[in-house]
Amino acid sequence: MTGDEVADALRTSLVYLDLGTHPGKDRMPREAAALGAIVLVANRGAAANGVDVPIPSVHKVEVLPDVVLNAKRALDTVFTDPAAALAAQAEYRARVAGEREAFDDEVAAAFIRGTTGSDGARPAR
């Protein structure tokens, strides 16, 4: 698919289901959220924490004992009340929308103002 085709698919989808391993803060779930899809992810890797993928736990699919059955349950919950599922991810969509501004501010803090981040990291000496 081209980039435009992916965007069109996400824009017209109710749900984005990602059962991958989430080795890091993945782009596709954030793209899906930004385009209005309800995001469901496997509860593993970076998606297992509330920092990289801050969505309700009911939208995180447990991998064991049966990821397919657990994904169906999560989908059934969304399909029962899509408006509530979408509303439950409003904060996530807002956070995604502000990521560029937050990144720019973090870069300016580190490289222009010379301040460290809120994560407690200290510059190397």
PDB file of N, CA and C in Angstrom:
ATOM      1  N   MET A   1       0.840  -1.183   0.000  1.00  0.00           N
ATOM      2  CA  MET A   1       0.000   0.000   0.000  1.00  0.00           C
ATOM      3  C   MET A   1       0.882   1.242   0.000  1.00  0.00           C
ATOM      4  N   THR A   2       0.413   2.264  -0.656  1.00  0.00           N
ATOM      5  CA  THR A   2       1.118   3.538  -0.612  1.00  0.00           C
ATOM      6  C   THR A   2       0.785   4.226   0.714  1.00  0.00           C
ATOM      7  N   GLY A   3       1.505   5.268   1.024  1.00  0.00           N
ATOM      8  CA  GLY A   3       1.213   6.024   2.237  1.00  0.00           C
ATOM      9  C   GLY A   3      -0.199   6.568   2.250  1.00  0.00           C
ATOM     10  N   ASP A   4      -0.651   7.061   1.115  1.00  0.00           N
ATOM     11  CA  ASP A   4      -2.016   7.586   1.018  1.00  0.00           C
ATOM     12  C   ASP A   4      -3.057   6.482   1.209  1.00  0.00           C
ATOM     13  N   GLU A   5      -2.778   5.302   0.667  1.00  0.00           N
ATOM     14  CA  GLU A   5      -3.707   4.178   0.833  1.00  0.00           C
ATOM     15  C   GLU A   5      -3.776   3.734   2.289  1.00  0.00           C
ATOM     16  N   VAL A   6      -2.648   3.725   2.968  1.00  0.00           N
ATOM     17  CA  VAL A   6      -2.641   3.374   4.393  1.00  0.00           C
ATOM     18  C   VAL A   6      -3.448   4.407   5.175  1.00  0.00           C
ATOM     19  N   ALA A   7      -3.202   5.681   4.910  1.00  0.00           N
ATOM     20  CA  ALA A   7      -3.942   6.741   5.604  1.00  0.00           C
ATOM     21  C   ALA A   7      -5.442   6.629   5.348  1.00  0.00           C
ATOM     22  N   ASP A   8      -5.830   6.357   4.113  1.00  0.00           N
ATOM     23  CA  ASP A   8      -7.252   6.200   3.792  1.00  0.00           C
ATOM     24  C   ASP A   8      -7.853   5.011   4.528  1.00  0.00           C
ATOM     25  N   ALA A   9      -7.108   3.910   4.593  1.00  0.00           N
ATOM     26  CA  ALA A   9      -7.606   2.719   5.293  1.00  0.00           C
ATOM     27  C   ALA A   9      -7.792   3.014   6.781  1.00  0.00           C
ATOM     28  N   LEU A  10      -6.825   3.677   7.386  1.00  0.00           N
ATOM     29  CA  LEU A  10      -6.943   3.998   8.815  1.00  0.00           C
ATOM     30  C   LEU A  10      -8.060   4.999   9.068  1.00  0.00           C
ATOM     31  N   ARG A  11      -8.196   5.970   8.175  1.00  0.00           N
ATOM     32  CA  ARG A  11      -9.215   7.013   8.331  1.00  0.00           C
ATOM     33  C   ARG A  11     -10.629   6.445   8.252  1.00  0.00           C
ATOM     34  N   THR A  12     -10.796   5.354   7.510  1.00  0.00           N
ATOM     35  CA  THR A  12     -12.132   4.783   7.314  1.00  0.00           C
ATOM     36  C   THR A  12     -12.379   3.528   8.154  1.00  0.00           C
ATOM     37  N   SER A  13     -11.432   3.203   9.026  1.00  0.00           N
ATOM     38  CA  SER A  13     -11.566   2.014   9.877  1.00  0.00           C
ATOM     39  C   SER A  13     -12.066   2.387  11.260  1.00  0.00           C
ATOM     40  N   LEU A  14     -12.915   1.560  11.805  1.00  0.00           N
ATOM     41  CA  LEU A  14     -13.360   1.762  13.178  1.00  0.00           C
ATOM     42  C   LEU A  14     -12.261   1.365  14.144  1.00  0.00           C
ATOM     43  N   VAL A  15     -11.565   0.252  13.841  1.00  0.00           N
ATOM     44  CA  VAL A  15     -10.577  -0.318  14.757  1.00  0.00           C
ATOM     45  C   VAL A  15      -9.262  -0.562  14.034  1.00  0.00           C
ATOM     46  N   TYR A  16      -8.174  -0.298  14.743  1.00  0.00           N
ATOM     47  CA  TYR A  16      -6.837  -0.708  14.312  1.00  0.00           C
ATOM     48  C   TYR A  16      -6.376  -1.740  15.333  1.00  0.00           C
ATOM     49  N   LEU A  17      -6.167  -2.974  14.894  1.00  0.00           N
ATOM     50  CA  LEU A  17      -5.754  -4.072  15.761  1.00  0.00           C
ATOM     51  C   LEU A  17      -4.312  -4.431  15.442  1.00  0.00           C
ATOM     52  N   ASP A  18      -3.436  -4.348  16.437  1.00  0.00           N
ATOM     53  CA  ASP A  18      -2.019  -4.643  16.247  1.00  0.00           C
ATOM     54  C   ASP A  18      -1.595  -5.667  17.288  1.00  0.00           C
ATOM     55  N   LEU A  19      -1.371  -6.893  16.849  1.00  0.00           N
ATOM     56  CA  LEU A  19      -0.978  -7.969  17.755  1.00  0.00           C
ATOM     57  C   LEU A  19       0.523  -8.255  17.681  1.00  0.00           C
ATOM     58  N   GLY A  20       1.277  -7.284  17.196  1.00  0.00           N
ATOM     59  CA  GLY A  20       2.725  -7.435  17.073  1.00  0.00           C
ATOM     60  C   GLY A  20       3.427  -7.398  18.419  1.00  0.00           C
ATOM     61  N   THR A  21       4.753  -7.424  18.361  1.00  0.00           N
ATOM     62  CA  THR A  21       5.571  -7.499  19.579  1.00  0.00           C
ATOM     63  C   THR A  21       5.892  -6.134  20.171  1.00  0.00           C
ATOM     64  N   HIS A  22       5.669  -5.062  19.451  1.00  0.00           N
ATOM     65  CA  HIS A  22       5.890  -3.688  19.924  1.00  0.00           C
ATOM     66  C   HIS A  22       7.281  -3.504  20.525  1.00  0.00           C
ATOM     67  N   PRO A  23       8.311  -3.617  19.678  1.00  0.00           N
ATOM     68  CA  PRO A  23       9.676  -3.489  20.193  1.00  0.00           C
ATOM     69  C   PRO A  23      10.021  -2.082  20.659  1.00  0.00           C
ATOM     70  N   GLY A  24       9.206  -1.115  20.319  1.00  0.00           N
ATOM     71  CA  GLY A  24       9.421   0.271  20.738  1.00  0.00           C
ATOM     72  C   GLY A  24       8.132   1.038  20.562  1.00  0.00           C
ATOM     73  N   LYS A  25       8.192   2.322  20.740  1.00  0.00           N
ATOM     74  CA  LYS A  25       7.015   3.181  20.585  1.00  0.00           C
ATOM     75  C   LYS A  25       6.637   3.195  19.107  1.00  0.00           C
ATOM     76  N   ASP A  26       5.744   2.311  18.729  1.00  0.00           N
ATOM     77  CA  ASP A  26       5.406   2.100  17.323  1.00  0.00           C
ATOM     78  C   ASP A  26       4.634   3.259  16.724  1.00  0.00           C
ATOM     79  N   ARG A  27       4.887   3.494  15.455  1.00  0.00           N
ATOM     80  CA  ARG A  27       4.255   4.592  14.740  1.00  0.00           C
ATOM     81  C   ARG A  27       2.816   4.272  14.330  1.00  0.00           C
ATOM     82  N   MET A  28       2.573   3.047  13.883  1.00  0.00           N
ATOM     83  CA  MET A  28       1.253   2.736  13.323  1.00  0.00           C
ATOM     84  C   MET A  28       0.100   2.915  14.310  1.00  0.00           C
ATOM     85  N   PRO A  29       0.211   2.466  15.557  1.00  0.00           N
ATOM     86  CA  PRO A  29      -0.908   2.729  16.468  1.00  0.00           C
ATOM     87  C   PRO A  29      -1.178   4.226  16.644  1.00  0.00           C
ATOM     88  N   ARG A  30      -0.108   5.025  16.667  1.00  0.00           N
ATOM     89  CA  ARG A  30      -0.288   6.472  16.820  1.00  0.00           C
ATOM     90  C   ARG A  30      -0.919   7.073  15.568  1.00  0.00           C
ATOM     91  N   GLU A  31      -0.507   6.597  14.393  1.00  0.00           N
ATOM     92  CA  GLU A  31      -1.117   7.053  13.145  1.00  0.00           C
ATOM     93  C   GLU A  31      -2.606   6.700  13.124  1.00  0.00           C
ATOM     94  N   ALA A  32      -2.919   5.482  13.527  1.00  0.00           N
ATOM     95  CA  ALA A  32      -4.318   5.042  13.545  1.00  0.00           C
ATOM     96  C   ALA A  32      -5.141   5.910  14.487  1.00  0.00           C
ATOM     97  N   ALA A  33      -4.604   6.167  15.672  1.00  0.00           N
ATOM     98  CA  ALA A  33      -5.318   7.009  16.635  1.00  0.00           C
ATOM     99  C   ALA A  33      -5.524   8.412  16.076  1.00  0.00           C
ATOM    100  N   ALA A  34      -4.489   8.970  15.477  1.00  0.00           N
ATOM    101  CA  ALA A  34      -4.574  10.321  14.920  1.00  0.00           C
ATOM    102  C   ALA A  34      -5.633  10.423  13.828  1.00  0.00           C
ATOM    103  N   LEU A  35      -5.857   9.318  13.125  1.00  0.00           N
ATOM    104  CA  LEU A  35      -6.835   9.321  12.041  1.00  0.00           C
ATOM    105  C   LEU A  35      -8.216   8.850  12.483  1.00  0.00           C
ATOM    106  N   GLY A  36      -8.391   8.631  13.798  1.00  0.00           N
ATOM    107  CA  GLY A  36      -9.714   8.371  14.338  1.00  0.00           C
ATOM    108  C   GLY A  36     -10.093   6.927  14.579  1.00  0.00           C
ATOM    109  N   ALA A  37      -9.163   5.999  14.395  1.00  0.00           N
ATOM    110  CA  ALA A  37      -9.474   4.591  14.658  1.00  0.00           C
ATOM    111  C   ALA A  37      -9.298   4.289  16.144  1.00  0.00           C
ATOM    112  N   ILE A  38     -10.057   3.349  16.638  1.00  0.00           N
ATOM    113  CA  ILE A  38      -9.893   2.851  18.000  1.00  0.00           C
ATOM    114  C   ILE A  38      -8.740   1.860  17.964  1.00  0.00           C
ATOM    115  N   VAL A  39      -7.752   2.063  18.826  1.00  0.00           N
ATOM    116  CA  VAL A  39      -6.541   1.260  18.808  1.00  0.00           C
ATOM    117  C   VAL A  39      -6.639   0.121  19.820  1.00  0.00           C
ATOM    118  N   LEU A  40      -6.403  -1.095  19.340  1.00  0.00           N
ATOM    119  CA  LEU A  40      -6.275  -2.277  20.186  1.00  0.00           C
ATOM    120  C   LEU A  40      -4.892  -2.857  19.918  1.00  0.00           C
ATOM    121  N   VAL A  41      -4.140  -3.131  20.962  1.00  0.00           N
ATOM    122  CA  VAL A  41      -2.779  -3.656  20.804  1.00  0.00           C
ATOM    123  C   VAL A  41      -2.567  -4.865  21.692  1.00  0.00           C
ATOM    124  N   ALA A  42      -1.629  -5.714  21.285  1.00  0.00           N
ATOM    125  CA  ALA A  42      -1.206  -6.820  22.146  1.00  0.00           C
ATOM    126  C   ALA A  42      -0.511  -6.225  23.356  1.00  0.00           C
ATOM    127  N   ASN A  43      -0.787  -6.773  24.505  1.00  0.00           N
ATOM    128  CA  ASN A  43      -0.229  -6.268  25.761  1.00  0.00           C
ATOM    129  C   ASN A  43       1.165  -6.868  25.974  1.00  0.00           C
ATOM    130  N   ARG A  44       2.104  -6.394  25.168  1.00  0.00           N
ATOM    131  CA  ARG A  44       3.490  -6.862  25.275  1.00  0.00           C
ATOM    132  C   ARG A  44       4.403  -5.789  24.697  1.00  0.00           C
ATOM    133  N   GLY A  45       5.686  -5.935  25.004  1.00  0.00           N
ATOM    134  CA  GLY A  45       6.665  -4.967  24.530  1.00  0.00           C
ATOM    135  C   GLY A  45       6.332  -3.576  25.038  1.00  0.00           C
ATOM    136  N   ALA A  46       6.612  -2.579  24.217  1.00  0.00           N
ATOM    137  CA  ALA A  46       6.368  -1.192  24.605  1.00  0.00           C
ATOM    138  C   ALA A  46       4.881  -0.907  24.823  1.00  0.00           C
ATOM    139  N   ALA A  47       4.021  -1.683  24.195  1.00  0.00           N
ATOM    140  CA  ALA A  47       2.580  -1.464  24.357  1.00  0.00           C
ATOM    141  C   ALA A  47       2.078  -1.890  25.730  1.00  0.00           C
ATOM    142  N   ALA A  48       2.891  -2.650  26.461  1.00  0.00           N
ATOM    143  CA  ALA A  48       2.470  -3.147  27.774  1.00  0.00           C
ATOM    144  C   ALA A  48       2.553  -2.085  28.860  1.00  0.00           C
ATOM    145  N   ASN A  49       3.169  -0.951  28.551  1.00  0.00           N
ATOM    146  CA  ASN A  49       3.234   0.093  29.579  1.00  0.00           C
ATOM    147  C   ASN A  49       2.293   1.234  29.225  1.00  0.00           C
ATOM    148  N   GLY A  50       2.026   2.054  30.188  1.00  0.00           N
ATOM    149  CA  GLY A  50       1.099   3.160  29.989  1.00  0.00           C
ATOM    150  C   GLY A  50       1.754   4.427  29.490  1.00  0.00           C
ATOM    151  N   VAL A  51       3.050   4.374  29.233  1.00  0.00           N
ATOM    152  CA  VAL A  51       3.763   5.551  28.737  1.00  0.00           C
ATOM    153  C   VAL A  51       3.785   5.558  27.214  1.00  0.00           C
ATOM    154  N   ASP A  52       4.209   4.458  26.610  1.00  0.00           N
ATOM    155  CA  ASP A  52       4.316   4.405  25.155  1.00  0.00           C
ATOM    156  C   ASP A  52       2.962   4.263  24.465  1.00  0.00           C
ATOM    157  N   VAL A  53       2.058   3.515  25.064  1.00  0.00           N
ATOM    158  CA  VAL A  53       0.708   3.343  24.504  1.00  0.00           C
ATOM    159  C   VAL A  53      -0.291   3.534  25.643  1.00  0.00           C
ATOM    160  N   PRO A  54      -0.615   4.794  25.944  1.00  0.00           N
ATOM    161  CA  PRO A  54      -1.498   5.088  27.072  1.00  0.00           C
ATOM    162  C   PRO A  54      -2.982   4.976  26.714  1.00  0.00           C
ATOM    163  N   ILE A  55      -3.417   3.748  26.556  1.00  0.00           N
ATOM    164  CA  ILE A  55      -4.826   3.476  26.274  1.00  0.00           C
ATOM    165  C   ILE A  55      -5.376   2.621  27.413  1.00  0.00           C
ATOM    166  N   PRO A  56      -6.691   2.560  27.544  1.00  0.00           N
ATOM    167  CA  PRO A  56      -7.276   1.752  28.621  1.00  0.00           C
ATOM    168  C   PRO A  56      -6.832   0.291  28.550  1.00  0.00           C
ATOM    169  N   SER A  57      -6.689  -0.330  29.696  1.00  0.00           N
ATOM    170  CA  SER A  57      -6.241  -1.729  29.737  1.00  0.00           C
ATOM    171  C   SER A  57      -7.186  -2.654  28.982  1.00  0.00           C
ATOM    172  N   VAL A  58      -8.453  -2.319  28.923  1.00  0.00           N
ATOM    173  CA  VAL A  58      -9.412  -3.143  28.179  1.00  0.00           C
ATOM    174  C   VAL A  58      -9.097  -3.146  26.678  1.00  0.00           C
ATOM    175  N   HIS A  59      -8.296  -2.178  26.213  1.00  0.00           N
ATOM    176  CA  HIS A  59      -7.908  -2.108  24.807  1.00  0.00           C
ATOM    177  C   HIS A  59      -6.544  -2.727  24.554  1.00  0.00           C
ATOM    178  N   LYS A  60      -5.980  -3.362  25.582  1.00  0.00           N
ATOM    179  CA  LYS A  60      -4.713  -4.081  25.448  1.00  0.00           C
ATOM    180  C   LYS A  60      -5.018  -5.573  25.535  1.00  0.00           C
ATOM    181  N   VAL A  61      -4.743  -6.273  24.455  1.00  0.00           N
ATOM    182  CA  VAL A  61      -5.103  -7.676  24.307  1.00  0.00           C
ATOM    183  C   VAL A  61      -4.043  -8.560  24.970  1.00  0.00           C
ATOM    184  N   GLU A  62      -4.489  -9.360  25.925  1.00  0.00           N
ATOM    185  CA  GLU A  62      -3.565 -10.299  26.570  1.00  0.00           C
ATOM    186  C   GLU A  62      -3.155 -11.368  25.555  1.00  0.00           C
ATOM    187  N   VAL A  63      -1.889 -11.708  25.559  1.00  0.00           N
ATOM    188  CA  VAL A  63      -1.344 -12.660  24.600  1.00  0.00           C
ATOM    189  C   VAL A  63      -1.648 -14.099  25.014  1.00  0.00           C
ATOM    190  N   LEU A  64      -1.619 -14.373  26.299  1.00  0.00           N
ATOM    191  CA  LEU A  64      -1.849 -15.731  26.808  1.00  0.00           C
ATOM    192  C   LEU A  64      -3.194 -15.814  27.507  1.00  0.00           C
ATOM    193  N   PRO A  65      -3.890 -16.874  27.501  1.00  0.00           N
ATOM    194  CA  PRO A  65      -3.492 -18.142  26.896  1.00  0.00           C
ATOM    195  C   PRO A  65      -3.814 -18.227  25.405  1.00  0.00           C
ATOM    196  N   ASP A  66      -4.651 -17.303  24.880  1.00  0.00           N
ATOM    197  CA  ASP A  66      -5.071 -17.400  23.484  1.00  0.00           C
ATOM    198  C   ASP A  66      -5.280 -15.999  22.933  1.00  0.00           C
ATOM    199  N   VAL A  67      -4.298 -15.487  22.214  1.00  0.00           N
ATOM    200  CA  VAL A  67      -4.355 -14.115  21.718  1.00  0.00           C
ATOM    201  C   VAL A  67      -5.531 -13.897  20.772  1.00  0.00           C
ATOM    202  N   VAL A  68      -5.885 -14.898  19.979  1.00  0.00           N
ATOM    203  CA  VAL A  68      -6.989 -14.741  19.033  1.00  0.00           C
ATOM    204  C   VAL A  68      -8.316 -14.600  19.783  1.00  0.00           C
ATOM    205  N   LEU A  69      -8.557 -15.464  20.751  1.00  0.00           N
ATOM    206  CA  LEU A  69      -9.776 -15.375  21.551  1.00  0.00           C
ATOM    207  C   LEU A  69      -9.820 -14.056  22.322  1.00  0.00           C
ATOM    208  N   ASN A  70      -8.705 -13.658  22.878  1.00  0.00           N
ATOM    209  CA  ASN A  70      -8.651 -12.405  23.631  1.00  0.00           C
ATOM    210  C   ASN A  70      -8.853 -11.191  22.721  1.00  0.00           C
ATOM    211  N   ALA A  71      -8.345 -11.263  21.501  1.00  0.00           N
ATOM    212  CA  ALA A  71      -8.570 -10.178  20.539  1.00  0.00           C
ATOM    213  C   ALA A  71     -10.045 -10.097  20.166  1.00  0.00           C
ATOM    214  N   LYS A  72     -10.685 -11.256  19.997  1.00  0.00           N
ATOM    215  CA  LYS A  72     -12.117 -11.259  19.684  1.00  0.00           C
ATOM    216  C   LYS A  72     -12.914 -10.623  20.809  1.00  0.00           C
ATOM    217  N   ARG A  73     -12.561 -10.923  22.041  1.00  0.00           N
ATOM    218  CA  ARG A  73     -13.261 -10.325  23.189  1.00  0.00           C
ATOM    219  C   ARG A  73     -13.093  -8.809  23.192  1.00  0.00           C
ATOM    220  N   ALA A  74     -11.874  -8.340  22.922  1.00  0.00           N
ATOM    221  CA  ALA A  74     -11.631  -6.898  22.886  1.00  0.00           C
ATOM    222  C   ALA A  74     -12.425  -6.241  21.760  1.00  0.00           C
ATOM    223  N   LEU A  75     -12.454  -6.896  20.604  1.00  0.00           N
ATOM    224  CA  LEU A  75     -13.230  -6.373  19.482  1.00  0.00           C
ATOM    225  C   LEU A  75     -14.719  -6.345  19.805  1.00  0.00           C
ATOM    226  N   ASP A  76     -15.222  -7.406  20.425  1.00  0.00           N
ATOM    227  CA  ASP A  76     -16.633  -7.455  20.800  1.00  0.00           C
ATOM    228  C   ASP A  76     -16.990  -6.304  21.733  1.00  0.00           C
ATOM    229  N   THR A  77     -16.087  -5.992  22.665  1.00  0.00           N
ATOM    230  CA  THR A  77     -16.319  -4.873  23.588  1.00  0.00           C
ATOM    231  C   THR A  77     -16.422  -3.559  22.822  1.00  0.00           C
ATOM    232  N   VAL A  78     -15.524  -3.358  21.877  1.00  0.00           N
ATOM    233  CA  VAL A  78     -15.555  -2.137  21.069  1.00  0.00           C
ATOM    234  C   VAL A  78     -16.827  -2.079  20.240  1.00  0.00           C
ATOM    235  N   PHE A  79     -17.182  -3.179  19.597  1.00  0.00           N
ATOM    236  CA  PHE A  79     -18.358  -3.197  18.732  1.00  0.00           C
ATOM    237  C   PHE A  79     -19.659  -3.015  19.512  1.00  0.00           C
ATOM    238  N   THR A  80     -19.661  -3.376  20.793  1.00  0.00           N
ATOM    239  CA  THR A  80     -20.848  -3.199  21.624  1.00  0.00           C
ATOM    240  C   THR A  80     -21.142  -1.719  21.846  1.00  0.00           C
ATOM    241  N   ASP A  81     -20.084  -0.918  22.021  1.00  0.00           N
ATOM    242  CA  ASP A  81     -20.258   0.519  22.251  1.00  0.00           C
ATOM    243  C   ASP A  81     -19.075   1.286  21.670  1.00  0.00           C
ATOM    244  N   PRO A  82     -19.048   1.435  20.342  1.00  0.00           N
ATOM    245  CA  PRO A  82     -17.918   2.109  19.701  1.00  0.00           C
ATOM    246  C   PRO A  82     -17.709   3.544  20.187  1.00  0.00           C
ATOM    247  N   ALA A  83     -18.786   4.251  20.461  1.00  0.00           N
ATOM    248  CA  ALA A  83     -18.657   5.643  20.915  1.00  0.00           C
ATOM    249  C   ALA A  83     -17.921   5.713  22.249  1.00  0.00           C
ATOM    250  N   ALA A  84     -18.228   4.789  23.153  1.00  0.00           N
ATOM    251  CA  ALA A  84     -17.546   4.774  24.446  1.00  0.00           C
ATOM    252  C   ALA A  84     -16.076   4.403  24.276  1.00  0.00           C
ATOM    253  N   ALA A  85     -15.783   3.455  23.397  1.00  0.00           N
ATOM    254  CA  ALA A  85     -14.388   3.056  23.160  1.00  0.00           C
ATOM    255  C   ALA A  85     -13.601   4.210  22.560  1.00  0.00           C
ATOM    256  N   LEU A  86     -14.196   4.916  21.628  1.00  0.00           N
ATOM    257  CA  LEU A  86     -13.536   6.069  21.020  1.00  0.00           C
ATOM    258  C   LEU A  86     -13.306   7.168  22.061  1.00  0.00           C
ATOM    259  N   ALA A  87     -14.308   7.426  22.874  1.00  0.00           N
ATOM    260  CA  ALA A  87     -14.176   8.446  23.920  1.00  0.00           C
ATOM    261  C   ALA A  87     -13.099   8.070  24.931  1.00  0.00           C
ATOM    262  N   ALA A  88     -12.970   6.791  25.218  1.00  0.00           N
ATOM    263  CA  ALA A  88     -11.974   6.333  26.189  1.00  0.00           C
ATOM    264  C   ALA A  88     -10.545   6.566  25.701  1.00  0.00           C
ATOM    265  N   GLN A  89     -10.382   6.784  24.394  1.00  0.00           N
ATOM    266  CA  GLN A  89      -9.053   7.034  23.850  1.00  0.00           C
ATOM    267  C   GLN A  89      -8.839   8.493  23.454  1.00  0.00           C
ATOM    268  N   ALA A  90      -9.712   9.376  23.885  1.00  0.00           N
ATOM    269  CA  ALA A  90      -9.580  10.797  23.538  1.00  0.00           C
ATOM    270  C   ALA A  90      -8.263  11.384  24.037  1.00  0.00           C
ATOM    271  N   GLU A  91      -7.866  11.024  25.243  1.00  0.00           N
ATOM    272  CA  GLU A  91      -6.616  11.542  25.800  1.00  0.00           C
ATOM    273  C   GLU A  91      -5.409  11.040  24.996  1.00  0.00           C
ATOM    274  N   TYR A  92      -5.467   9.802  24.563  1.00  0.00           N
ATOM    275  CA  TYR A  92      -4.388   9.240  23.735  1.00  0.00           C
ATOM    276  C   TYR A  92      -4.287  10.004  22.418  1.00  0.00           C
ATOM    277  N   ARG A  93      -5.436  10.245  21.764  1.00  0.00           N
ATOM    278  CA  ARG A  93      -5.411  10.985  20.502  1.00  0.00           C
ATOM    279  C   ARG A  93      -4.866  12.398  20.705  1.00  0.00           C
ATOM    280  N   ALA A  94      -5.241  13.035  21.803  1.00  0.00           N
ATOM    281  CA  ALA A  94      -4.741  14.384  22.092  1.00  0.00           C
ATOM    282  C   ALA A  94      -3.230  14.359  22.325  1.00  0.00           C
ATOM    283  N   ARG A  95      -2.761  13.344  23.023  1.00  0.00           N
ATOM    284  CA  ARG A  95      -1.322  13.224  23.275  1.00  0.00           C
ATOM    285  C   ARG A  95      -0.569  13.036  21.967  1.00  0.00           C
ATOM    286  N   VAL A  96      -1.088  12.188  21.097  1.00  0.00           N
ATOM    287  CA  VAL A  96      -0.455  11.959  19.798  1.00  0.00           C
ATOM    288  C   VAL A  96      -0.420  13.273  19.013  1.00  0.00           C
ATOM    289  N   ALA A  97      -1.501  14.019  19.037  1.00  0.00           N
ATOM    290  CA  ALA A  97      -1.571  15.287  18.305  1.00  0.00           C
ATOM    291  C   ALA A  97      -0.529  16.284  18.813  1.00  0.00           C
ATOM    292  N   GLY A  98      -0.166  16.191  20.090  1.00  0.00           N
ATOM    293  CA  GLY A  98       0.801  17.123  20.651  1.00  0.00           C
ATOM    294  C   GLY A  98       2.228  16.631  20.674  1.00  0.00           C
ATOM    295  N   GLU A  99       2.498  15.452  20.087  1.00  0.00           N
ATOM    296  CA  GLU A  99       3.845  14.884  20.151  1.00  0.00           C
ATOM    297  C   GLU A  99       4.892  15.749  19.455  1.00  0.00           C
ATOM    298  N   ARG A 100       4.567  16.350  18.347  1.00  0.00           N
ATOM    299  CA  ARG A 100       5.545  17.180  17.630  1.00  0.00           C
ATOM    300  C   ARG A 100       5.940  18.385  18.489  1.00  0.00           C
ATOM    301  N   GLU A 101       4.950  19.037  19.062  1.00  0.00           N
ATOM    302  CA  GLU A 101       5.221  20.192  19.918  1.00  0.00           C
ATOM    303  C   GLU A 101       6.039  19.780  21.152  1.00  0.00           C
ATOM    304  N   ALA A 102       5.693  18.649  21.753  1.00  0.00           N
ATOM    305  CA  ALA A 102       6.438  18.169  22.931  1.00  0.00           C
ATOM    306  C   ALA A 102       7.884  17.844  22.555  1.00  0.00           C
ATOM    307  N   PHE A 103       8.084  17.212  21.394  1.00  0.00           N
ATOM    308  CA  PHE A 103       9.434  16.888  20.940  1.00  0.00           C
ATOM    309  C   PHE A 103      10.237  18.167  20.706  1.00  0.00           C
ATOM    310  N   ASP A 104       9.632  19.133  20.022  1.00  0.00           N
ATOM    311  CA  ASP A 104      10.327  20.396  19.768  1.00  0.00           C
ATOM    312  C   ASP A 104      10.724  21.074  21.072  1.00  0.00           C
ATOM    313  N   ASP A 105       9.839  21.026  22.068  1.00  0.00           N
ATOM    314  CA  ASP A 105      10.136  21.634  23.364  1.00  0.00           C
ATOM    315  C   ASP A 105      11.273  20.897  24.072  1.00  0.00           C
ATOM    316  N   GLU A 106      11.269  19.571  23.991  1.00  0.00           N
ATOM    317  CA  GLU A 106      12.339  18.794  24.614  1.00  0.00           C
ATOM    318  C   GLU A 106      13.690  19.089  23.965  1.00  0.00           C
ATOM    319  N   VAL A 107      13.712  19.220  22.648  1.00  0.00           N
ATOM    320  CA  VAL A 107      14.953  19.536  21.939  1.00  0.00           C
ATOM    321  C   VAL A 107      15.429  20.929  22.333  1.00  0.00           C
ATOM    322  N   ALA A 108      14.517  21.893  22.358  1.00  0.00           N
ATOM    323  CA  ALA A 108      14.890  23.257  22.749  1.00  0.00           C
ATOM    324  C   ALA A 108      15.403  23.287  24.186  1.00  0.00           C
ATOM    325  N   ALA A 109      14.769  22.536  25.074  1.00  0.00           N
ATOM    326  CA  ALA A 109      15.211  22.500  26.469  1.00  0.00           C
ATOM    327  C   ALA A 109      16.632  21.964  26.571  1.00  0.00           C
ATOM    328  N   ALA A 110      16.919  20.899  25.851  1.00  0.00           N
ATOM    329  CA  ALA A 110      18.232  20.264  25.944  1.00  0.00           C
ATOM    330  C   ALA A 110      19.317  21.053  25.224  1.00  0.00           C
ATOM    331  N   PHE A 111      19.010  21.548  24.030  1.00  0.00           N
ATOM    332  CA  PHE A 111      20.064  22.123  23.202  1.00  0.00           C
ATOM    333  C   PHE A 111      20.085  23.650  23.162  1.00  0.00           C
ATOM    334  N   ILE A 112      19.013  24.290  23.548  1.00  0.00           N
ATOM    335  CA  ILE A 112      18.993  25.759  23.541  1.00  0.00           C
ATOM    336  C   ILE A 112      19.045  26.298  24.965  1.00  0.00           C
ATOM    337  N   ARG A 113      18.156  25.783  25.816  1.00  0.00           N
ATOM    338  CA  ARG A 113      18.123  26.268  27.198  1.00  0.00           C
ATOM    339  C   ARG A 113      19.086  25.519  28.108  1.00  0.00           C
ATOM    340  N   GLY A 114      19.582  24.368  27.669  1.00  0.00           N
ATOM    341  CA  GLY A 114      20.549  23.601  28.439  1.00  0.00           C
ATOM    342  C   GLY A 114      19.986  22.953  29.692  1.00  0.00           C
ATOM    343  N   THR A 115      18.690  22.651  29.691  1.00  0.00           N
ATOM    344  CA  THR A 115      18.072  21.990  30.835  1.00  0.00           C
ATOM    345  C   THR A 115      17.879  20.509  30.534  1.00  0.00           C
ATOM    346  N   THR A 116      17.847  19.707  31.595  1.00  0.00           N
ATOM    347  CA  THR A 116      17.637  18.274  31.408  1.00  0.00           C
ATOM    348  C   THR A 116      16.156  17.967  31.421  1.00  0.00           C
ATOM    349  N   GLY A 117      15.827  16.778  30.970  1.00  0.00           N
ATOM    350  CA  GLY A 117      14.436  16.354  30.900  1.00  0.00           C
ATOM    351  C   GLY A 117      13.870  15.975  32.255  1.00  0.00           C
ATOM    352  N   SER A 118      12.609  15.699  32.283  1.00  0.00           N
ATOM    353  CA  SER A 118      11.921  15.339  33.520  1.00  0.00           C
ATOM    354  C   SER A 118      12.111  13.873  33.877  1.00  0.00           C
ATOM    355  N   ASP A 119      12.879  13.138  33.062  1.00  0.00           N
ATOM    356  CA  ASP A 119      13.083  11.715  33.340  1.00  0.00           C
ATOM    357  C   ASP A 119      14.237  11.461  34.308  1.00  0.00           C
ATOM    358  N   GLY A 120      14.866  12.513  34.760  1.00  0.00           N
ATOM    359  CA  GLY A 120      15.965  12.367  35.708  1.00  0.00           C
ATOM    360  C   GLY A 120      17.309  12.138  35.066  1.00  0.00           C
ATOM    361  N   ALA A 121      17.342  12.069  33.743  1.00  0.00           N
ATOM    362  CA  ALA A 121      18.619  11.856  33.061  1.00  0.00           C
ATOM    363  C   ALA A 121      19.522  13.077  33.245  1.00  0.00           C
ATOM    364  N   ARG A 122      20.795  12.820  33.330  1.00  0.00           N
ATOM    365  CA  ARG A 122      21.774  13.901  33.461  1.00  0.00           C
ATOM    366  C   ARG A 122      22.731  13.826  32.269  1.00  0.00           C
ATOM    367  N   PRO A 123      23.132  14.974  31.762  1.00  0.00           N
ATOM    368  CA  PRO A 123      24.073  14.961  30.630  1.00  0.00           C
ATOM    369  C   PRO A 123      25.393  14.288  31.036  1.00  0.00           C
ATOM    370  N   ALA A 124      26.027  13.615  30.083  1.00  0.00           N
ATOM    371  CA  ALA A 124      27.341  13.011  30.331  1.00  0.00           C
ATOM    372  C   ALA A 124      28.366  14.107  30.576  1.00  0.00           C
ATOM    373  N   ARG A 125      29.332  13.829  31.432  1.00  0.00           N
ATOM    374  CA  ARG A 125      30.368  14.826  31.731  1.00  0.00           C
ATOM    375  C   ARG A 125      31.687  14.385  31.216  1.00  0.00           C
TER     376      ARG A 125
END
